[in-house]
Amino acid sequence: MRMISVQDATSGQVVAKPIYDSKLSLLIRDGSKLTERIIEKLKLSDIRHLYIDDEISEGIFLEPIISEELKLKAITFMKSLYESQIPSRYINSNPVEITEVQIRELKGLLDDVITEIYSSQDRKYYSTEFLGAEVYHFDHAVEVMILSILIGRKLGIDRERLIKLGMGAILADLGKAKVPDAILNKKGKLTESEFEEMKHHVIYGYNTLKDLVELSPTARQVIMLHHEKLDGSGYPNGFVDDQIPLTARIVAVCDIFSAIVADRTYNNRISVDTAIEILRSASPVKLDADVVHTLVQVIDIYPQGTIVELSNGEVGIVIENNQGSPTRPKVRVINEALPEIDLMKDLTLFIKKALPKLP
């Protein structure tokens, strides 16, 4: 299987992973053959990418680090929680209060996520769900939570504290429900006043959740501080260095990474390797270099199915990753009767860049 843009999809291609609409209902089953009608349906649902099975990607299977059922359950829960805080849903001008029961239920979901991560035997993370842009905020929240837990575990954080970290990560952007849609989904750069309003989402989120006994001080701290930067250029307090706890530093890195590789209304999806370079350029001045380094260890930089250009100009597809050498996987060269090259053995070649599609 491999990922393609919906814009490049053609009739007859076989869908390799299920696709969900903005209501999180199953839109297209895996194994379905694309038709012009289905492709148009995907475009109308604002689905940007999908996985297909074809000759080029034969034998490639991507196993998610947590089950797609559990991830979808978490996204559905966050959608409900987020939408309960949107101002248009206020009753008599009062927001719907989030309850202790909801926080306990969310903790249970996170405990299930951690259990699956512990049993994954160091499998690496890659994005598995492709949903309409309207579902971005909920999918983003769950992805940031998973990545934060993976990094925290790698850094030696114990299970109890991982739940606190994960709770802060998944709830970090809840306050965006109170930011006007015109600002939240604006295409292009925000004005100064719009950015000031956007920055208030950390305070909105913190104030919504601060009195909940079931939510730990660690999680509340993450919600308030996940946009702080080591050089003091972040918000809301302009904290520097050790004023920012490790948990908030972890979520800061995961939040940026997830945002820049996402299919969202005002951003085109970029490759993981490019995203990593963006993060590295911001560390150690703004972002924690150890956290960025650990992120690289827990994700697939070139997931199986990625189309890549090699240093000799040949184009291939990643078919297997080499443990300990994330930038030197095994590659199937496409225009040479599909021969395989192990970049760990052929050190004269390297991946020049990931490509969004076949040339």
Protein backbone atom coordinates (compact mmCIF):
# COMPACT_ATOMS: atom_id res chain seq x y z
CA MET A 1 0.00 0.00 0.00
CA ARG A 2 1.01 3.61 -0.51
CA MET A 3 -0.41 7.06 0.05
CA ILE A 4 -1.60 9.25 -2.82
CA SER A 5 -3.36 12.59 -3.18
CA VAL A 6 -7.07 12.40 -3.97
CA GLN A 7 -6.28 14.76 -6.85
CA ASP A 8 -4.10 12.01 -8.37
CA ALA A 9 -6.60 9.18 -7.74
CA THR A 10 -8.00 7.32 -10.75
CA SER A 11 -10.84 4.89 -11.32
CA GLY A 12 -9.96 1.26 -10.66
CA GLN A 13 -7.42 1.89 -7.89
CA VAL A 14 -8.04 -0.18 -4.75
CA VAL A 15 -8.50 1.60 -1.40
CA ALA A 16 -6.13 0.11 1.19
CA LYS A 17 -7.39 1.77 4.38
CA PRO A 18 -10.88 2.88 5.43
CA ILE A 19 -11.76 6.57 5.05
CA TYR A 20 -14.10 8.51 7.35
CA ASP A 21 -16.15 11.65 6.76
CA SER A 22 -16.46 14.76 8.96
CA LYS A 23 -19.05 12.99 11.13
CA LEU A 24 -16.57 10.13 11.64
CA SER A 25 -18.86 7.78 9.75
CA LEU A 26 -17.27 5.25 7.42
CA LEU A 27 -17.11 6.84 3.97
CA ILE A 28 -15.18 4.25 1.93
CA ARG A 29 -14.28 0.72 3.02
CA ASP A 30 -10.84 -0.74 2.47
CA GLY A 31 -10.83 -3.05 -0.53
CA SER A 32 -13.23 -0.80 -2.46
CA LYS A 33 -12.36 0.13 -6.04
CA LEU A 34 -12.33 3.81 -6.83
CA THR A 35 -14.81 5.19 -9.36
CA GLU A 36 -15.23 8.73 -10.63
CA ARG A 37 -18.27 9.02 -8.37
CA ILE A 38 -16.32 7.89 -5.29
CA ILE A 39 -13.41 10.23 -6.10
CA GLU A 40 -15.82 13.15 -6.37
CA LYS A 41 -17.38 12.07 -3.07
CA LEU A 42 -13.94 12.17 -1.41
CA LYS A 43 -13.28 15.65 -2.78
CA LEU A 44 -16.66 16.92 -1.57
CA SER A 45 -15.83 15.51 1.89
CA ASP A 46 -12.52 17.43 1.76
CA ILE A 47 -10.46 14.25 1.98
CA ARG A 48 -6.98 15.15 0.74
CA HIS A 49 -5.11 11.81 0.70
CA LEU A 50 -5.80 8.09 0.82
CA TYR A 51 -3.97 4.76 0.80
CA ILE A 52 -4.15 2.48 -2.23
CA ASP A 53 -2.86 -0.98 -3.11
CA ASP A 54 -1.17 -1.32 -6.49
CA GLU A 55 1.68 -3.14 -8.24
CA ILE A 56 4.26 -0.56 -7.17
CA SER A 57 3.37 -1.00 -3.49
CA GLU A 58 2.78 -4.76 -3.59
CA GLY A 59 3.69 -6.47 -0.31
CA ILE A 60 3.78 -3.25 1.73
CA PHE A 61 1.61 -3.32 4.84
CA LEU A 62 1.56 -0.55 7.43
CA GLU A 63 0.71 -1.66 10.97
CA PRO A 64 -0.43 1.23 13.20
CA ILE A 65 1.09 1.64 16.65
CA ILE A 66 -2.41 1.69 18.15
CA SER A 67 -5.48 0.10 16.59
CA GLU A 68 -7.48 2.21 14.19
CA GLU A 69 -10.60 1.39 16.24
CA LEU A 70 -9.09 2.87 19.42
CA LYS A 71 -7.77 5.94 17.62
CA LEU A 72 -11.17 6.55 16.03
CA LYS A 73 -12.84 6.12 19.44
CA ALA A 74 -10.52 8.77 20.91
CA ILE A 75 -11.15 11.15 17.97
CA THR A 76 -14.92 10.68 18.36
CA PHE A 77 -14.68 11.44 22.09
CA MET A 78 -12.65 14.61 21.47
CA LYS A 79 -15.08 15.74 18.77
CA SER A 80 -17.93 15.53 21.26
CA LEU A 81 -15.93 17.31 23.98
CA TYR A 82 -14.72 20.05 21.64
CA GLU A 83 -18.14 20.71 20.13
CA SER A 84 -19.69 21.03 23.59
CA GLN A 85 -17.51 24.12 24.08
CA ILE A 86 -18.32 25.96 20.84
CA PRO A 87 -20.11 29.25 21.70
CA SER A 88 -23.02 28.57 19.33
CA ARG A 89 -23.86 25.59 21.53
CA TYR A 90 -24.15 27.66 24.68
CA ILE A 91 -27.38 27.31 26.61
CA ASN A 92 -28.59 30.65 28.05
CA SER A 93 -25.10 32.04 27.29
CA ASN A 94 -23.48 29.48 29.56
CA PRO A 95 -21.09 26.86 28.14
CA VAL A 96 -21.78 23.18 28.67
CA GLU A 97 -19.61 22.20 31.63
CA ILE A 98 -17.14 19.36 31.21
CA THR A 99 -17.71 16.81 33.98
CA GLU A 100 -15.45 14.72 36.17
CA VAL A 101 -17.06 11.65 34.60
CA GLN A 102 -15.92 12.77 31.13
CA ILE A 103 -12.37 13.30 32.37
CA ARG A 104 -12.36 9.82 33.95
CA GLU A 105 -13.62 8.35 30.67
CA LEU A 106 -10.86 10.15 28.79
CA LYS A 107 -8.30 8.79 31.25
CA GLY A 108 -9.58 5.31 30.53
CA LEU A 109 -9.07 5.85 26.81
CA LEU A 110 -5.52 7.06 27.43
CA ASP A 111 -4.82 4.04 29.62
CA ASP A 112 -5.92 1.82 26.70
CA VAL A 113 -3.65 3.79 24.35
CA ILE A 114 -0.67 3.35 26.68
CA THR A 115 -1.39 -0.39 27.00
CA GLU A 116 -1.30 -0.76 23.21
CA ILE A 117 1.86 1.35 22.96
CA TYR A 118 3.57 -0.82 25.59
CA SER A 119 2.66 -3.94 23.61
CA SER A 120 3.77 -2.49 20.26
CA GLN A 121 7.39 -3.62 20.76
CA ASP A 122 8.90 -0.27 19.77
CA ARG A 123 6.92 -0.05 16.54
CA LYS A 124 7.22 3.47 15.15
CA TYR A 125 4.40 5.95 14.61
CA TYR A 126 2.94 7.14 11.33
CA SER A 127 -0.34 8.91 10.64
CA THR A 128 -3.02 6.35 9.78
CA GLU A 129 -6.32 8.18 9.52
CA PHE A 130 -7.35 10.39 6.62
CA LEU A 131 -10.37 12.45 7.49
CA GLY A 132 -12.03 15.58 6.16
CA ALA A 133 -10.47 18.90 7.13
CA GLU A 134 -13.42 19.62 9.43
CA VAL A 135 -12.17 16.86 11.74
CA TYR A 136 -8.63 18.27 11.87
CA HIS A 137 -8.78 19.62 15.45
CA PHE A 138 -9.85 16.29 16.97
CA ASP A 139 -7.46 14.17 14.92
CA HIS A 140 -4.66 16.61 15.77
CA ALA A 141 -5.43 16.37 19.51
CA VAL A 142 -5.24 12.57 19.44
CA GLU A 143 -2.06 12.53 17.35
CA VAL A 144 -0.32 15.00 19.69
CA MET A 145 -1.34 12.81 22.63
CA ILE A 146 0.06 9.63 21.04
CA LEU A 147 3.34 11.28 20.04
CA SER A 148 3.74 12.88 23.48
CA ILE A 149 3.26 9.52 25.20
CA LEU A 150 5.75 7.85 22.84
CA ILE A 151 8.37 10.52 23.54
CA GLY A 152 7.66 10.51 27.27
CA ARG A 153 8.03 6.75 27.44
CA LYS A 154 11.31 6.91 25.51
CA LEU A 155 12.58 9.55 27.95
CA GLY A 156 11.82 7.28 30.93
CA ILE A 157 8.58 8.81 32.22
CA ASP A 158 6.57 6.26 34.22
CA ARG A 159 3.07 5.12 33.29
CA GLU A 160 1.23 7.22 35.88
CA ARG A 161 2.93 10.39 34.69
CA LEU A 162 2.43 9.38 31.05
CA ILE A 163 -1.34 9.52 31.63
CA LYS A 164 -0.97 13.04 33.06
CA LEU A 165 1.19 14.06 30.11
CA GLY A 166 -1.26 12.50 27.65
CA MET A 167 -4.24 14.24 29.27
CA GLY A 168 -2.53 17.61 28.95
CA ALA A 169 -1.59 16.85 25.34
CA ILE A 170 -5.03 15.75 24.16
CA LEU A 171 -6.78 18.68 25.91
CA ALA A 172 -4.15 21.30 25.02
CA ASP A 173 -6.15 22.92 22.24
CA LEU A 174 -9.65 22.55 23.71
CA GLY A 175 -9.75 26.33 24.17
CA LYS A 176 -9.72 26.78 20.39
CA ALA A 177 -13.43 25.91 20.48
CA LYS A 178 -13.94 29.46 21.79
CA VAL A 179 -11.83 31.10 19.06
CA PRO A 180 -13.98 32.43 16.16
CA ASP A 181 -14.01 30.16 13.10
CA ALA A 182 -12.98 33.08 10.90
CA ILE A 183 -9.67 33.19 12.78
CA LEU A 184 -9.28 29.48 13.47
CA ASN A 185 -9.71 28.43 9.84
CA LYS A 186 -8.33 31.51 8.11
CA LYS A 187 -6.27 30.88 5.00
CA GLY A 188 -3.06 32.87 5.12
CA LYS A 189 -1.34 34.82 7.84
CA LEU A 190 -3.29 36.12 10.83
CA THR A 191 -3.33 39.83 11.58
CA GLU A 192 -1.76 40.97 14.84
CA SER A 193 -5.15 41.27 16.54
CA GLU A 194 -6.26 37.88 15.19
CA PHE A 195 -3.09 36.24 16.48
CA GLU A 196 -3.65 37.81 19.89
CA GLU A 197 -7.10 36.23 19.97
CA MET A 198 -5.67 32.90 18.83
CA LYS A 199 -3.14 32.99 21.67
CA HIS A 200 -5.99 33.23 24.15
CA HIS A 201 -6.96 29.62 23.44
CA VAL A 202 -4.53 28.39 26.11
CA ILE A 203 -6.23 30.56 28.71
CA TYR A 204 -9.71 29.58 27.51
CA GLY A 205 -8.76 25.91 27.78
CA TYR A 206 -7.10 26.28 31.16
CA ASN A 207 -10.05 28.20 32.64
CA THR A 208 -12.50 25.60 31.31
CA LEU A 209 -10.64 22.72 32.96
CA LYS A 210 -8.78 24.16 35.98
CA ASP A 211 -11.36 23.23 38.62
CA LEU A 212 -11.75 19.59 37.59
CA VAL A 213 -10.39 17.40 40.38
CA GLU A 214 -9.85 14.46 38.01
CA LEU A 215 -7.43 16.53 35.91
CA SER A 216 -3.92 16.61 37.39
CA PRO A 217 -1.89 19.80 37.96
CA THR A 218 0.61 18.40 35.43
CA ALA A 219 -2.06 18.22 32.73
CA ARG A 220 -3.31 21.74 33.54
CA GLN A 221 0.25 23.02 33.36
CA VAL A 222 0.69 21.49 29.90
CA ILE A 223 -2.53 23.11 28.68
CA MET A 224 -1.33 26.54 29.78
CA LEU A 225 2.33 26.27 28.75
CA HIS A 226 2.51 24.17 25.56
CA HIS A 227 3.16 27.27 23.40
CA GLU A 228 6.05 28.59 25.49
CA LYS A 229 9.48 28.64 23.79
CA LEU A 230 12.89 28.23 25.40
CA ASP A 231 14.05 31.68 24.26
CA GLY A 232 11.05 33.45 25.80
CA SER A 233 9.31 34.10 22.48
CA GLY A 234 6.33 31.90 23.29
CA TYR A 235 3.05 32.61 25.07
CA PRO A 236 1.17 33.32 27.31
CA ASN A 237 3.93 34.07 29.86
CA GLY A 238 7.13 34.33 27.83
CA PHE A 239 8.79 31.71 30.06
CA VAL A 240 12.37 30.66 29.30
CA ASP A 241 14.48 27.52 29.72
CA ASP A 242 13.79 25.68 33.00
CA GLN A 243 10.66 27.73 33.66
CA ILE A 244 9.04 25.44 31.09
CA PRO A 245 8.51 21.88 32.40
CA LEU A 246 9.57 18.87 30.33
CA THR A 247 5.95 17.82 29.79
CA ALA A 248 5.11 21.16 28.14
CA ARG A 249 8.30 21.00 26.06
CA ILE A 250 7.28 17.57 24.77
CA VAL A 251 3.80 18.69 23.78
CA ALA A 252 5.18 21.86 22.14
CA VAL A 253 7.30 19.77 19.75
CA CYS A 254 4.50 17.27 19.04
CA ASP A 255 1.97 20.05 18.45
CA ILE A 256 4.16 21.74 15.84
CA PHE A 257 5.08 18.47 14.14
CA SER A 258 1.49 17.27 13.88
CA ALA A 259 0.33 20.65 12.54
CA ILE A 260 2.88 20.91 9.75
CA VAL A 261 2.42 17.37 8.41
CA ALA A 262 -1.38 17.55 8.52
CA ASP A 263 -4.00 17.89 5.80
CA ARG A 264 -5.64 21.08 6.98
CA THR A 265 -7.63 23.88 5.41
CA TYR A 266 -4.80 26.40 5.28
CA ASN A 267 -1.79 24.15 4.84
CA ASN A 268 -0.67 21.61 2.27
CA ARG A 269 0.69 18.37 3.67
CA ILE A 270 4.50 18.29 3.80
CA SER A 271 6.76 15.27 4.15
CA VAL A 272 7.96 14.01 7.53
CA ASP A 273 11.63 14.52 6.66
CA THR A 274 10.98 18.19 5.84
CA ALA A 275 9.02 18.61 9.07
CA ILE A 276 11.92 17.17 11.05
CA GLU A 277 14.31 19.67 9.47
CA ILE A 278 11.96 22.51 10.44
CA LEU A 279 11.96 21.30 14.05
CA ARG A 280 15.72 20.84 14.10
CA SER A 281 16.22 24.40 12.84
CA ALA A 282 14.19 25.65 15.81
CA SER A 283 16.24 23.72 18.37
CA PRO A 284 17.87 24.28 20.78
CA VAL A 285 16.97 27.99 20.67
CA LYS A 286 13.19 27.64 20.75
CA LEU A 287 12.53 23.90 21.11
CA ASP A 288 14.11 21.29 23.36
CA ALA A 289 16.76 19.52 21.25
CA ASP A 290 16.51 16.27 23.27
CA VAL A 291 12.76 16.14 22.67
CA VAL A 292 13.20 16.75 18.93
CA HIS A 293 15.87 14.02 18.82
CA THR A 294 13.54 11.63 20.64
CA LEU A 295 10.69 12.42 18.24
CA VAL A 296 12.93 11.26 15.39
CA GLN A 297 13.42 7.97 17.26
CA VAL A 298 9.69 7.23 17.67
CA ILE A 299 8.37 8.11 14.19
CA ASP A 300 8.97 6.73 10.73
CA ILE A 301 10.77 9.46 8.80
CA TYR A 302 10.19 7.52 5.59
CA PRO A 303 7.17 5.27 6.25
CA GLN A 304 6.76 2.22 4.05
CA GLY A 305 5.00 3.29 0.88
CA THR A 306 6.76 6.68 0.72
CA ILE A 307 7.88 7.69 -2.77
CA VAL A 308 11.48 8.95 -2.64
CA GLU A 309 14.11 10.36 -4.97
CA LEU A 310 17.56 8.82 -4.53
CA SER A 311 20.85 10.67 -4.84
CA ASN A 312 21.44 9.13 -8.29
CA GLY A 313 18.16 10.58 -9.57
CA GLU A 314 16.24 7.28 -9.49
CA VAL A 315 12.75 7.20 -7.97
CA GLY A 316 11.68 4.41 -5.63
CA ILE A 317 9.25 3.38 -2.93
CA VAL A 318 10.24 2.56 0.64
CA ILE A 319 9.44 -1.08 1.34
CA GLU A 320 11.10 -1.66 4.71
CA ASN A 321 12.82 0.41 7.40
CA ASN A 322 16.14 -0.51 8.98
CA GLN A 323 16.09 -0.41 12.79
CA GLY A 324 18.49 2.20 14.11
CA SER A 325 18.94 3.89 10.72
CA PRO A 326 15.67 5.69 9.94
CA THR A 327 17.12 7.55 6.92
CA ARG A 328 18.49 4.43 5.21
CA PRO A 329 15.57 2.09 4.47
CA LYS A 330 15.16 -0.57 1.81
CA VAL A 331 13.87 0.93 -1.43
CA ARG A 332 12.25 -0.60 -4.50
CA VAL A 333 13.43 1.32 -7.57
CA ILE A 334 10.39 1.81 -9.78
CA ASN A 335 11.78 2.12 -13.29
CA GLU A 336 14.17 -0.85 -13.16
CA ALA A 337 11.77 -3.81 -13.04
CA LEU A 338 11.33 -3.13 -9.32
CA PRO A 339 14.79 -4.12 -8.00
CA GLU A 340 15.39 -3.61 -4.29
CA ILE A 341 18.20 -1.54 -2.79
CA ASP A 342 19.16 -1.69 0.88
CA LEU A 343 20.61 1.74 1.66
CA MET A 344 22.35 0.24 4.71
CA LYS A 345 24.39 -1.91 2.34
CA ASP A 346 24.79 0.46 -0.59
CA LEU A 347 26.35 3.45 1.17
CA THR A 348 27.01 5.26 -2.12
CA LEU A 349 23.31 6.14 -2.31
CA PHE A 350 21.03 8.13 -0.02
CA ILE A 351 17.53 9.56 -0.07
CA LYS A 352 17.57 13.05 -1.55
CA LYS A 353 13.96 13.84 -0.69
CA ALA A 354 10.49 12.41 -0.30
CA LEU A 355 8.16 13.05 -3.22
CA PRO A 356 4.44 13.85 -2.97
CA LYS A 357 3.69 11.59 -5.95
CA LEU A 358 5.23 9.58 -8.75
CA PRO A 359 6.89 11.85 -11.33
